[in-house]
PDB file of N, CA and C in Angstrom:
ATOM      1  N   GLN A   1     113.714-131.027 -32.491  1.00  0.00           N
ATOM      2  CA  GLN A   1     112.266-130.443 -31.935  1.00  0.00           C
ATOM      3  C   GLN A   1     111.703-129.336 -32.334  1.00  0.00           C
ATOM      4  N   LEU A   2     112.744-128.398 -32.167  1.00  0.00           N
ATOM      5  CA  LEU A   2     112.202-127.362 -32.820  1.00  0.00           C
ATOM      6  C   LEU A   2     112.052-126.873 -34.352  1.00  0.00           C
ATOM      7  N   HIS A   3     112.891-127.750 -34.795  1.00  0.00           N
ATOM      8  CA  HIS A   3     112.918-127.699 -36.540  1.00  0.00           C
ATOM      9  C   HIS A   3     111.222-128.516 -36.610  1.00  0.00           C
ATOM     10  N   ILE A   4     111.187-129.076 -36.300  1.00  0.00           N
ATOM     11  CA  ILE A   4     110.204-130.372 -36.305  1.00  0.00           C
ATOM     12  C   ILE A   4     108.562-129.194 -36.229  1.00  0.00           C
ATOM     13  N   THR A   5     108.641-128.755 -35.240  1.00  0.00           N
ATOM     14  CA  THR A   5     107.578-127.869 -34.676  1.00  0.00           C
ATOM     15  C   THR A   5     107.212-126.839 -35.714  1.00  0.00           C
ATOM     16  N   LEU A   6     108.583-126.357 -36.355  1.00  0.00           N
ATOM     17  CA  LEU A   6     108.523-124.870 -37.276  1.00  0.00           C
ATOM     18  C   LEU A   6     107.921-125.664 -38.111  1.00  0.00           C
ATOM     19  N   SER A   7     108.618-127.027 -38.925  1.00  0.00           N
ATOM     20  CA  SER A   7     108.106-127.314 -39.749  1.00  0.00           C
ATOM     21  C   SER A   7     106.396-127.840 -40.184  1.00  0.00           C
ATOM     22  N   GLU A   8     106.140-127.980 -39.014  1.00  0.00           N
ATOM     23  CA  GLU A   8     104.557-128.169 -39.002  1.00  0.00           C
ATOM     24  C   GLU A   8     103.604-126.862 -38.747  1.00  0.00           C
ATOM     25  N   LYS A   9     104.612-126.021 -38.598  1.00  0.00           N
ATOM     26  CA  LYS A   9     104.017-125.036 -38.251  1.00  0.00           C
ATOM     27  C   LYS A   9     103.761-123.972 -39.487  1.00  0.00           C
ATOM     28  N   THR A  10     104.682-124.392 -40.302  1.00  0.00           N
ATOM     29  CA  THR A  10     104.774-123.922 -41.460  1.00  0.00           C
ATOM     30  C   THR A  10     103.622-124.551 -42.929  1.00  0.00           C
ATOM     31  N   LYS A  11     103.771-125.749 -42.422  1.00  0.00           N
ATOM     32  CA  LYS A  11     102.754-126.575 -43.345  1.00  0.00           C
ATOM     33  C   LYS A  11     101.087-126.221 -42.769  1.00  0.00           C
ATOM     34  N   LEU A  12     100.758-126.123 -41.725  1.00  0.00           N
ATOM     35  CA  LEU A  12     100.067-125.599 -40.844  1.00  0.00           C
ATOM     36  C   LEU A  12      99.398-124.306 -41.856  1.00  0.00           C
ATOM     37  N   THR A  13     100.054-123.381 -41.401  1.00  0.00           N
ATOM     38  CA  THR A  13     100.081-122.222 -42.079  1.00  0.00           C
ATOM     39  C   THR A  13      99.741-122.067 -43.700  1.00  0.00           C
ATOM     40  N   LYS A  14     100.319-122.841 -44.380  1.00  0.00           N
ATOM     41  CA  LYS A  14     100.058-123.183 -45.892  1.00  0.00           C
ATOM     42  C   LYS A  14      98.737-123.642 -45.558  1.00  0.00           C
ATOM     43  N   SER A  15      98.649-124.818 -44.859  1.00  0.00           N
ATOM     44  CA  SER A  15      97.377-125.014 -45.091  1.00  0.00           C
ATOM     45  C   SER A  15      95.774-124.226 -44.715  1.00  0.00           C
ATOM     46  N   LEU A  16      96.307-123.495 -43.710  1.00  0.00           N
ATOM     47  CA  LEU A  16      95.161-122.465 -43.339  1.00  0.00           C
ATOM     48  C   LEU A  16      95.021-121.726 -44.493  1.00  0.00           C
ATOM     49  N   GLU A  17      96.317-121.234 -45.072  1.00  0.00           N
ATOM     50  CA  GLU A  17      96.219-119.763 -46.246  1.00  0.00           C
ATOM     51  C   GLU A  17      95.383-120.690 -47.526  1.00  0.00           C
ATOM     52  N   MET A  18      95.469-121.893 -47.584  1.00  0.00           N
ATOM     53  CA  MET A  18      94.665-122.306 -48.819  1.00  0.00           C
ATOM     54  C   MET A  18      93.368-122.587 -48.547  1.00  0.00           C
ATOM     55  N   VAL A  19      93.003-122.773 -47.101  1.00  0.00           N
ATOM     56  CA  VAL A  19      91.682-122.966 -46.482  1.00  0.00           C
ATOM     57  C   VAL A  19      90.832-121.560 -46.847  1.00  0.00           C
ATOM     58  N   GLN A  20      92.005-120.508 -46.460  1.00  0.00           N
ATOM     59  CA  GLN A  20      90.982-119.414 -46.213  1.00  0.00           C
ATOM     60  C   GLN A  20      91.190-118.741 -47.773  1.00  0.00           C
ATOM     61  N   ASN A  21      91.544-119.158 -48.411  1.00  0.00           N
ATOM     62  CA  ASN A  21      92.028-118.568 -49.518  1.00  0.00           C
ATOM     63  C   ASN A  21      90.478-119.842 -50.441  1.00  0.00           C
ATOM     64  N   GLU A  22      90.684-120.959 -50.394  1.00  0.00           N
ATOM     65  CA  GLU A  22      89.318-121.461 -50.971  1.00  0.00           C
ATOM     66  C   GLU A  22      88.051-120.855 -50.378  1.00  0.00           C
ATOM     67  N   LEU A  23      88.128-120.775 -48.925  1.00  0.00           N
ATOM     68  CA  LEU A  23      86.899-120.213 -48.481  1.00  0.00           C
ATOM     69  C   LEU A  23      86.527-118.327 -49.370  1.00  0.00           C
ATOM     70  N   GLN A  24      87.403-117.790 -49.479  1.00  0.00           N
ATOM     71  CA  GLN A  24      87.751-116.485 -50.305  1.00  0.00           C
ATOM     72  C   GLN A  24      86.854-116.775 -51.488  1.00  0.00           C
ATOM     73  N   GLU A  25      87.435-117.986 -52.468  1.00  0.00           N
ATOM     74  CA  GLU A  25      86.912-118.049 -53.665  1.00  0.00           C
ATOM     75  C   GLU A  25      85.456-118.626 -53.532  1.00  0.00           C
ATOM     76  N   LYS A  26      85.102-119.304 -52.536  1.00  0.00           N
ATOM     77  CA  LYS A  26      83.525-119.684 -52.428  1.00  0.00           C
ATOM     78  C   LYS A  26      82.473-118.643 -52.276  1.00  0.00           C
ATOM     79  N   GLU A  27      82.935-117.486 -51.386  1.00  0.00           N
ATOM     80  CA  GLU A  27      82.327-116.488 -50.922  1.00  0.00           C
ATOM     81  C   GLU A  27      82.175-115.297 -52.240  1.00  0.00           C
ATOM     82  N   ASN A  28      83.629-115.486 -52.777  1.00  0.00           N
ATOM     83  CA  ASN A  28      83.345-114.712 -53.992  1.00  0.00           C
ATOM     84  C   ASN A  28      82.102-115.088 -54.979  1.00  0.00           C
ATOM     85  N   GLU A  29      82.480-116.177 -54.957  1.00  0.00           N
ATOM     86  CA  GLU A  29      81.670-116.930 -56.100  1.00  0.00           C
ATOM     87  C   GLU A  29      79.942-117.336 -55.462  1.00  0.00           C
ATOM     88  N   MET A  30      79.521-117.273 -54.547  1.00  0.00           N
ATOM     89  CA  MET A  30      78.315-116.949 -53.833  1.00  0.00           C
ATOM     90  C   MET A  30      77.612-116.081 -53.900  1.00  0.00           C
ATOM     91  N   LYS A  31      78.555-114.731 -53.952  1.00  0.00           N
ATOM     92  CA  LYS A  31      78.440-113.230 -54.427  1.00  0.00           C
ATOM     93  C   LYS A  31      77.556-113.037 -55.783  1.00  0.00           C
ATOM     94  N   ARG A  32      78.707-113.795 -56.221  1.00  0.00           N
ATOM     95  CA  ARG A  32      78.592-113.305 -57.809  1.00  0.00           C
ATOM     96  C   ARG A  32      76.769-114.559 -57.949  1.00  0.00           C
ATOM     97  N   GLU A  33      76.934-115.185 -57.672  1.00  0.00           N
ATOM     98  CA  GLU A  33      75.628-115.961 -57.485  1.00  0.00           C
ATOM     99  C   GLU A  33      74.613-115.156 -57.253  1.00  0.00           C
ATOM    100  N   VAL A  34      74.261-114.745 -55.748  1.00  0.00           N
ATOM    101  CA  VAL A  34      73.196-113.790 -55.096  1.00  0.00           C
ATOM    102  C   VAL A  34      73.165-112.825 -56.000  1.00  0.00           C
ATOM    103  N   SER A  35      74.025-111.627 -56.470  1.00  0.00           N
ATOM    104  CA  SER A  35      73.956-111.123 -57.348  1.00  0.00           C
ATOM    105  C   SER A  35      73.285-111.544 -58.695  1.00  0.00           C
ATOM    106  N   GLU A  36      73.182-112.539 -59.318  1.00  0.00           N
ATOM    107  CA  GLU A  36      72.857-112.678 -60.647  1.00  0.00           C
ATOM    108  C   GLU A  36      71.221-113.318 -60.258  1.00  0.00           C
ATOM    109  N   TYR A  37      71.430-113.999 -59.156  1.00  0.00           N
ATOM    110  CA  TYR A  37      69.754-114.015 -58.661  1.00  0.00           C
ATOM    111  C   TYR A  37      68.853-112.990 -58.265  1.00  0.00           C
ATOM    112  N   LYS A  38      69.645-111.966 -57.523  1.00  0.00           N
ATOM    113  CA  LYS A  38      68.877-110.518 -57.636  1.00  0.00           C
ATOM    114  C   LYS A  38      68.421-110.198 -58.986  1.00  0.00           C
ATOM    115  N   ASP A  39      69.517-109.829 -59.708  1.00  0.00           N
ATOM    116  CA  ASP A  39      69.247-109.133 -60.783  1.00  0.00           C
ATOM    117  C   ASP A  39      67.932-110.221 -61.923  1.00  0.00           C
ATOM    118  N   ARG A  40      67.962-111.637 -61.840  1.00  0.00           N
ATOM    119  CA  ARG A  40      67.439-112.213 -62.428  1.00  0.00           C
ATOM    120  C   ARG A  40      65.802-112.061 -61.298  1.00  0.00           C
ATOM    121  N   LEU A  41      65.822-111.946 -60.447  1.00  0.00           N
ATOM    122  CA  LEU A  41      64.406-111.644 -59.803  1.00  0.00           C
ATOM    123  C   LEU A  41      63.897-110.172 -59.852  1.00  0.00           C
ATOM    124  N   LEU A  42      64.948-109.301 -60.161  1.00  0.00           N
ATOM    125  CA  LEU A  42      64.782-107.453 -60.889  1.00  0.00           C
ATOM    126  C   LEU A  42      63.701-107.710 -61.855  1.00  0.00           C
ATOM    127  N   GLN A  43      64.510-108.580 -62.934  1.00  0.00           N
ATOM    128  CA  GLN A  43      63.986-108.525 -64.157  1.00  0.00           C
ATOM    129  C   GLN A  43      62.514-109.210 -64.475  1.00  0.00           C
ATOM    130  N   ALA A  44      62.629-110.613 -63.667  1.00  0.00           N
ATOM    131  CA  ALA A  44      60.995-111.241 -63.197  1.00  0.00           C
ATOM    132  C   ALA A  44      59.968-109.842 -63.053  1.00  0.00           C
ATOM    133  N   GLU A  45      60.807-109.387 -61.649  1.00  0.00           N
ATOM    134  CA  GLU A  45      59.226-108.484 -61.493  1.00  0.00           C
ATOM    135  C   GLU A  45      59.004-107.282 -62.389  1.00  0.00           C
ATOM    136  N   LYS A  46      60.137-107.104 -63.094  1.00  0.00           N
ATOM    137  CA  LYS A  46      60.092-105.753 -64.328  1.00  0.00           C
ATOM    138  C   LYS A  46      58.809-106.411 -65.149  1.00  0.00           C
ATOM    139  N   GLU A  47      59.171-107.781 -65.465  1.00  0.00           N
ATOM    140  CA  GLU A  47      58.232-107.973 -66.516  1.00  0.00           C
ATOM    141  C   GLU A  47      57.293-108.527 -66.122  1.00  0.00           C
ATOM    142  N   LEU A  48      56.689-108.822 -64.980  1.00  0.00           N
ATOM    143  CA  LEU A  48      55.424-109.165 -64.133  1.00  0.00           C
ATOM    144  C   LEU A  48      54.856-107.805 -64.305  1.00  0.00           C
ATOM    145  N   GLN A  49      55.879-106.797 -63.753  1.00  0.00           N
ATOM    146  CA  GLN A  49      54.758-105.284 -63.742  1.00  0.00           C
ATOM    147  C   GLN A  49      54.284-104.760 -64.944  1.00  0.00           C
ATOM    148  N   ASP A  50      55.347-105.063 -65.891  1.00  0.00           N
ATOM    149  CA  ASP A  50      55.006-104.288 -67.194  1.00  0.00           C
ATOM    150  C   ASP A  50      53.617-105.724 -67.840  1.00  0.00           C
ATOM    151  N   HIS A  51      53.630-106.359 -67.669  1.00  0.00           N
ATOM    152  CA  HIS A  51      52.852-107.574 -67.932  1.00  0.00           C
ATOM    153  C   HIS A  51      51.149-106.902 -67.272  1.00  0.00           C
ATOM    154  N   LEU A  52      51.358-106.661 -65.891  1.00  0.00           N
ATOM    155  CA  LEU A  52      50.627-106.094 -65.236  1.00  0.00           C
ATOM    156  C   LEU A  52      49.661-104.965 -65.575  1.00  0.00           C
ATOM    157  N   THR A  53      50.507-103.789 -65.837  1.00  0.00           N
ATOM    158  CA  THR A  53      50.007-102.758 -66.692  1.00  0.00           C
ATOM    159  C   THR A  53      49.697-102.775 -67.609  1.00  0.00           C
ATOM    160  N   GLU A  54      50.141-103.589 -68.487  1.00  0.00           N
ATOM    161  CA  GLU A  54      49.222-104.158 -70.153  1.00  0.00           C
ATOM    162  C   GLU A  54      48.120-104.623 -69.719  1.00  0.00           C
ATOM    163  N   ALA A  55      47.704-105.410 -68.840  1.00  0.00           N
ATOM    164  CA  ALA A  55      46.587-106.167 -68.582  1.00  0.00           C
ATOM    165  C   ALA A  55      45.708-105.502 -68.203  1.00  0.00           C
ATOM    166  N   ASN A  56      46.198-104.037 -67.215  1.00  0.00           N
ATOM    167  CA  ASN A  56      45.200-103.116 -66.635  1.00  0.00           C
ATOM    168  C   ASN A  56      45.016-102.606 -67.440  1.00  0.00           C
ATOM    169  N   GLN A  57      45.805-102.111 -68.834  1.00  0.00           N
ATOM    170  CA  GLN A  57      45.135-100.914 -69.499  1.00  0.00           C
ATOM    171  C   GLN A  57      44.322-101.425 -70.354  1.00  0.00           C
ATOM    172  N   LYS A  58      44.221-102.813 -70.952  1.00  0.00           N
ATOM    173  CA  LYS A  58      43.632-103.652 -71.855  1.00  0.00           C
ATOM    174  C   LYS A  58      42.039-103.546 -71.039  1.00  0.00           C
ATOM    175  N   ASN A  59      42.247-104.037 -69.950  1.00  0.00           N
ATOM    176  CA  ASN A  59      40.756-104.167 -68.747  1.00  0.00           C
ATOM    177  C   ASN A  59      40.076-102.744 -68.918  1.00  0.00           C
ATOM    178  N   GLU A  60      40.657-101.706 -68.530  1.00  0.00           N
ATOM    179  CA  GLU A  60      40.207-100.700 -68.589  1.00  0.00           C
ATOM    180  C   GLU A  60      39.747-100.093 -70.012  1.00  0.00           C
ATOM    181  N   ALA A  61      40.306-100.210 -71.316  1.00  0.00           N
ATOM    182  CA  ALA A  61      39.604 -99.912 -72.195  1.00  0.00           C
ATOM    183  C   ALA A  61      38.582-100.581 -72.477  1.00  0.00           C
ATOM    184  N   GLU A  62      38.419-101.901 -72.325  1.00  0.00           N
ATOM    185  CA  GLU A  62      37.491-102.921 -72.249  1.00  0.00           C
ATOM    186  C   GLU A  62      35.771-102.290 -71.612  1.00  0.00           C
ATOM    187  N   ILE A  63      36.569-101.830 -70.134  1.00  0.00           N
ATOM    188  CA  ILE A  63      35.309-101.121 -69.472  1.00  0.00           C
ATOM    189  C   ILE A  63      34.909 -99.905 -69.834  1.00  0.00           C
ATOM    190  N   GLU A  64      35.836 -99.095 -70.602  1.00  0.00           N
ATOM    191  CA  GLU A  64      35.233 -98.019 -71.145  1.00  0.00           C
ATOM    192  C   GLU A  64      34.320 -98.312 -72.202  1.00  0.00           C
ATOM    193  N   ALA A  65      34.517 -99.248 -73.291  1.00  0.00           N
ATOM    194  CA  ALA A  65      34.082 -99.716 -74.400  1.00  0.00           C
ATOM    195  C   ALA A  65      32.641-100.395 -73.822  1.00  0.00           C
ATOM    196  N   CYS A  66      32.426-101.152 -72.870  1.00  0.00           N
ATOM    197  CA  CYS A  66      31.093-101.860 -72.341  1.00  0.00           C
ATOM    198  C   CYS A  66      30.725-100.450 -71.489  1.00  0.00           C
ATOM    199  N   LEU A  67      31.116 -99.503 -71.047  1.00  0.00           N
ATOM    200  CA  LEU A  67      30.472 -98.277 -70.161  1.00  0.00           C
ATOM    201  C   LEU A  67      29.789 -97.324 -71.851  1.00  0.00           C
ATOM    202  N   GLN A  68      30.372 -97.048 -72.855  1.00  0.00           N
ATOM    203  CA  GLN A  68      30.020 -96.306 -73.781  1.00  0.00           C
ATOM    204  C   GLN A  68      29.123 -97.422 -74.342  1.00  0.00           C
ATOM    205  N   LYS A  69      28.545 -98.775 -74.540  1.00  0.00           N
ATOM    206  CA  LYS A  69      27.436 -99.248 -74.892  1.00  0.00           C
ATOM    207  C   LYS A  69      26.439 -99.297 -74.257  1.00  0.00           C
ATOM    208  N   ILE A  70      26.879 -99.342 -72.647  1.00  0.00           N
ATOM    209  CA  ILE A  70      25.525 -99.298 -71.957  1.00  0.00           C
ATOM    210  C   ILE A  70      25.195 -97.974 -72.313  1.00  0.00           C
ATOM    211  N   SER A  71      25.974 -96.681 -72.097  1.00  0.00           N
ATOM    212  CA  SER A  71      25.287 -95.683 -72.465  1.00  0.00           C
ATOM    213  C   SER A  71      24.326 -95.224 -73.515  1.00  0.00           C
ATOM    214  N   SER A  72      24.791 -96.109 -74.836  1.00  0.00           N
ATOM    215  CA  SER A  72      24.223 -96.015 -75.714  1.00  0.00           C
ATOM    216  C   SER A  72      22.879 -96.598 -76.121  1.00  0.00           C
ATOM    217  N   LEU A  73      23.317 -97.794 -75.444  1.00  0.00           N
ATOM    218  CA  LEU A  73      21.713 -98.529 -75.313  1.00  0.00           C
ATOM    219  C   LEU A  73      20.956 -97.744 -74.348  1.00  0.00           C
ATOM    220  N   GLU A  74      21.088 -97.425 -73.378  1.00  0.00           N
ATOM    221  CA  GLU A  74      20.682 -96.602 -72.692  1.00  0.00           C
ATOM    222  C   GLU A  74      19.587 -95.472 -73.204  1.00  0.00           C
ATOM    223  N   GLN A  75      20.605 -94.741 -73.919  1.00  0.00           N
ATOM    224  CA  GLN A  75      19.907 -93.709 -74.708  1.00  0.00           C
ATOM    225  C   GLN A  75      18.937 -94.085 -76.016  1.00  0.00           C
ATOM    226  N   PHE A  76      19.212 -95.591 -76.670  1.00  0.00           N
ATOM    227  CA  PHE A  76      18.583 -96.230 -77.628  1.00  0.00           C
ATOM    228  C   PHE A  76      17.135 -96.567 -77.106  1.00  0.00           C
ATOM    229  N   ILE A  77      16.986 -96.993 -75.669  1.00  0.00           N
ATOM    230  CA  ILE A  77      15.805 -97.447 -75.120  1.00  0.00           C
ATOM    231  C   ILE A  77      15.307 -96.092 -74.865  1.00  0.00           C
ATOM    232  N   ILE A  78      15.951 -95.012 -74.143  1.00  0.00           N
ATOM    233  CA  ILE A  78      14.551 -93.895 -73.697  1.00  0.00           C
ATOM    234  C   ILE A  78      14.448 -93.181 -75.342  1.00  0.00           C
ATOM    235  N   SER A  79      14.985 -92.835 -76.209  1.00  0.00           N
ATOM    236  CA  SER A  79      14.422 -92.926 -77.579  1.00  0.00           C
ATOM    237  C   SER A  79      13.372 -93.736 -77.717  1.00  0.00           C
ATOM    238  N   GLN A  80      13.741 -94.954 -77.366  1.00  0.00           N
ATOM    239  CA  GLN A  80      12.318 -96.229 -77.900  1.00  0.00           C
ATOM    240  C   GLN A  80      10.687 -95.751 -77.278  1.00  0.00           C
ATOM    241  N   LYS A  81      11.241 -95.610 -76.100  1.00  0.00           N
ATOM    242  CA  LYS A  81      10.047 -95.371 -75.349  1.00  0.00           C
ATOM    243  C   LYS A  81       9.478 -93.890 -75.355  1.00  0.00           C
ATOM    244  N   LEU A  82       9.799 -93.076 -75.855  1.00  0.00           N
ATOM    245  CA  LEU A  82       9.382 -91.731 -76.405  1.00  0.00           C
ATOM    246  C   LEU A  82       8.746 -92.019 -77.150  1.00  0.00           C
ATOM    247  N   GLU A  83       9.501 -92.753 -78.866  1.00  0.00           N
ATOM    248  CA  GLU A  83       8.758 -93.568 -79.530  1.00  0.00           C
ATOM    249  C   GLU A  83       7.794 -93.997 -79.381  1.00  0.00           C
ATOM    250  N   ILE A  84       7.441 -94.921 -78.504  1.00  0.00           N
ATOM    251  CA  ILE A  84       5.757 -95.578 -78.422  1.00  0.00           C
ATOM    252  C   ILE A  84       4.893 -95.021 -77.511  1.00  0.00           C
ATOM    253  N   GLU A  85       5.646 -93.745 -77.036  1.00  0.00           N
ATOM    254  CA  GLU A  85       4.612 -92.742 -76.143  1.00  0.00           C
ATOM    255  C   GLU A  85       4.309 -92.294 -77.120  1.00  0.00           C
ATOM    256  N   HIS A  86       4.363 -91.605 -78.057  1.00  0.00           N
ATOM    257  CA  HIS A  86       4.338 -90.836 -78.657  1.00  0.00           C
ATOM    258  C   HIS A  86       3.290 -91.780 -80.228  1.00  0.00           C
ATOM    259  N   LEU A  87       3.558 -92.937 -80.556  1.00  0.00           N
ATOM    260  CA  LEU A  87       2.751 -93.917 -81.500  1.00  0.00           C
ATOM    261  C   LEU A  87       1.388 -93.783 -80.571  1.00  0.00           C
ATOM    262  N   LYS A  88       1.271 -94.251 -79.113  1.00  0.00           N
ATOM    263  CA  LYS A  88       0.258 -94.473 -78.233  1.00  0.00           C
ATOM    264  C   LYS A  88      -0.599 -93.251 -78.705  1.00  0.00           C
ATOM    265  N   SER A  89       0.034 -91.860 -78.490  1.00  0.00           N
ATOM    266  CA  SER A  89      -0.681 -90.541 -78.522  1.00  0.00           C
ATOM    267  C   SER A  89      -1.140 -90.827 -80.139  1.00  0.00           C
ATOM    268  N   ASN A  90      -0.447 -90.738 -80.776  1.00  0.00           N
ATOM    269  CA  ASN A  90      -1.098 -91.261 -82.276  1.00  0.00           C
ATOM    270  C   ASN A  90      -1.993 -92.106 -82.582  1.00  0.00           C
ATOM    271  N   GLU A  91      -2.066 -92.876 -81.527  1.00  0.00           N
ATOM    272  CA  GLU A  91      -3.387 -94.052 -81.889  1.00  0.00           C
ATOM    273  C   GLU A  91      -4.495 -93.765 -81.008  1.00  0.00           C
ATOM    274  N   GLU A  92      -4.176 -92.916 -79.840  1.00  0.00           N
ATOM    275  CA  GLU A  92      -5.646 -92.651 -79.535  1.00  0.00           C
ATOM    276  C   GLU A  92      -6.288 -91.236 -80.068  1.00  0.00           C
ATOM    277  N   GLN A  93      -5.294 -90.565 -80.848  1.00  0.00           N
ATOM    278  CA  GLN A  93      -5.842 -89.445 -81.840  1.00  0.00           C
ATOM    279  C   GLN A  93      -6.772 -89.539 -82.960  1.00  0.00           C
ATOM    280  N   LEU A  94      -6.042 -91.208 -83.446  1.00  0.00           N
ATOM    281  CA  LEU A  94      -7.011 -91.859 -84.351  1.00  0.00           C
ATOM    282  C   LEU A  94      -7.666 -92.357 -84.116  1.00  0.00           C
ATOM    283  N   ASN A  95      -8.188 -93.206 -82.869  1.00  0.00           N
ATOM    284  CA  ASN A  95      -8.926 -93.674 -82.244  1.00  0.00           C
ATOM    285  C   ASN A  95     -10.161 -92.624 -81.854  1.00  0.00           C
ATOM    286  N   ASN A  96      -9.695 -91.525 -81.486  1.00  0.00           N
ATOM    287  CA  ASN A  96     -10.705 -90.405 -81.593  1.00  0.00           C
ATOM    288  C   ASN A  96     -11.632 -89.885 -82.554  1.00  0.00           C
ATOM    289  N   SER A  97     -10.475 -89.560 -83.641  1.00  0.00           N
ATOM    290  CA  SER A  97     -10.895 -89.616 -84.987  1.00  0.00           C
ATOM    291  C   SER A  97     -12.041 -90.060 -85.900  1.00  0.00           C
ATOM    292  N   LEU A  98     -11.571 -91.614 -85.532  1.00  0.00           N
ATOM    293  CA  LEU A  98     -12.142 -92.835 -85.972  1.00  0.00           C
ATOM    294  C   LEU A  98     -13.769 -92.817 -85.004  1.00  0.00           C
ATOM    295  N   LYS A  99     -13.992 -92.735 -83.996  1.00  0.00           N
ATOM    296  CA  LYS A  99     -15.325 -92.338 -83.086  1.00  0.00           C
ATOM    297  C   LYS A  99     -15.642 -91.243 -83.852  1.00  0.00           C
ATOM    298  N   GLU A 100     -15.784 -90.289 -84.097  1.00  0.00           N
ATOM    299  CA  GLU A 100     -16.157 -89.234 -84.809  1.00  0.00           C
ATOM    300  C   GLU A 100     -16.150 -89.359 -86.028  1.00  0.00           C
ATOM    301  N   ALA A 101     -15.768 -90.164 -86.741  1.00  0.00           N
ATOM    302  CA  ALA A 101     -16.034 -90.325 -87.925  1.00  0.00           C
ATOM    303  C   ALA A 101     -17.189 -91.314 -88.081  1.00  0.00           C
ATOM    304  N   ASN A 102     -17.051 -92.167 -87.302  1.00  0.00           N
ATOM    305  CA  ASN A 102     -18.023 -93.303 -87.364  1.00  0.00           C
ATOM    306  C   ASN A 102     -19.439 -92.422 -87.076  1.00  0.00           C
ATOM    307  N   GLN A 103     -19.262 -91.697 -85.872  1.00  0.00           N
ATOM    308  CA  GLN A 103     -20.778 -90.917 -84.970  1.00  0.00           C
ATOM    309  C   GLN A 103     -21.589 -90.084 -86.608  1.00  0.00           C
ATOM    310  N   ALA A 104     -20.177 -89.473 -87.285  1.00  0.00           N
ATOM    311  CA  ALA A 104     -20.991 -88.888 -87.837  1.00  0.00           C
ATOM    312  C   ALA A 104     -21.386 -89.674 -89.232  1.00  0.00           C
ATOM    313  N   LEU A 105     -20.879 -90.616 -89.234  1.00  0.00           N
ATOM    314  CA  LEU A 105     -21.684 -91.656 -90.564  1.00  0.00           C
ATOM    315  C   LEU A 105     -22.883 -91.840 -90.059  1.00  0.00           C
ATOM    316  N   GLY A 106     -22.928 -92.405 -89.160  1.00  0.00           N
ATOM    317  CA  GLY A 106     -23.790 -92.597 -88.376  1.00  0.00           C
ATOM    318  C   GLY A 106     -25.087 -91.784 -88.311  1.00  0.00           C
ATOM    319  N   GLU A 107     -24.951 -90.485 -88.126  1.00  0.00           N
ATOM    320  CA  GLU A 107     -25.831 -89.473 -88.131  1.00  0.00           C
ATOM    321  C   GLU A 107     -25.994 -89.233 -89.863  1.00  0.00           C
ATOM    322  N   PHE A 108     -24.768 -89.535 -90.475  1.00  0.00           N
ATOM    323  CA  PHE A 108     -25.332 -89.098 -91.671  1.00  0.00           C
ATOM    324  C   PHE A 108     -26.432 -90.120 -92.729  1.00  0.00           C
ATOM    325  N   LEU A 109     -26.019 -91.271 -92.039  1.00  0.00           N
ATOM    326  CA  LEU A 109     -26.925 -92.250 -92.561  1.00  0.00           C
ATOM    327  C   LEU A 109     -28.214 -91.945 -92.396  1.00  0.00           C
ATOM    328  N   LYS A 110     -28.331 -91.773 -90.911  1.00  0.00           N
ATOM    329  CA  LYS A 110     -29.790 -91.526 -90.463  1.00  0.00           C
ATOM    330  C   LYS A 110     -30.173 -90.562 -90.909  1.00  0.00           C
ATOM    331  N   ILE A 111     -29.757 -89.453 -91.345  1.00  0.00           N
ATOM    332  CA  ILE A 111     -30.429 -88.330 -92.001  1.00  0.00           C
ATOM    333  C   ILE A 111     -30.846 -88.816 -93.646  1.00  0.00           C
ATOM    334  N   LYS A 112     -30.000 -89.507 -93.918  1.00  0.00           N
ATOM    335  CA  LYS A 112     -30.332 -89.879 -95.028  1.00  0.00           C
ATOM    336  C   LYS A 112     -31.300 -91.232 -95.570  1.00  0.00           C
ATOM    337  N   VAL A 113     -31.410 -91.559 -94.274  1.00  0.00           N
ATOM    338  CA  VAL A 113     -32.217 -92.719 -94.406  1.00  0.00           C
ATOM    339  C   VAL A 113     -33.615 -92.213 -94.361  1.00  0.00           C
ATOM    340  N   ARG A 114     -34.020 -91.136 -93.989  1.00  0.00           N
ATOM    341  CA  ARG A 114     -35.415 -90.206 -93.342  1.00  0.00           C
ATOM    342  C   ARG A 114     -35.577 -89.524 -94.388  1.00  0.00           C
TER     343      ARG A 114
END
């Protein structure tokens, strides 16, 4: 009986060792897979951050270009307004000169007719 019990104990001990070894192997495999997934996740996060940084830089450059265009157009509008004011002033001066010339011509014609 003792011999049978010892034999069964030996078998159970070996079986337990085998199960423990299998569990250890699975645990090691799972740790390796988790490590691989972490590495892949870190790589994906880095790539995403790189893409975001690149997109932000591109957007900032486009915004700066648009702001420069707006500033340039504002300056152009200001210069055009000044030119319009200048032309209006010249038109008024020319109209006044034309009126004076017409008055002088009228007076000259009156004098000539007499």
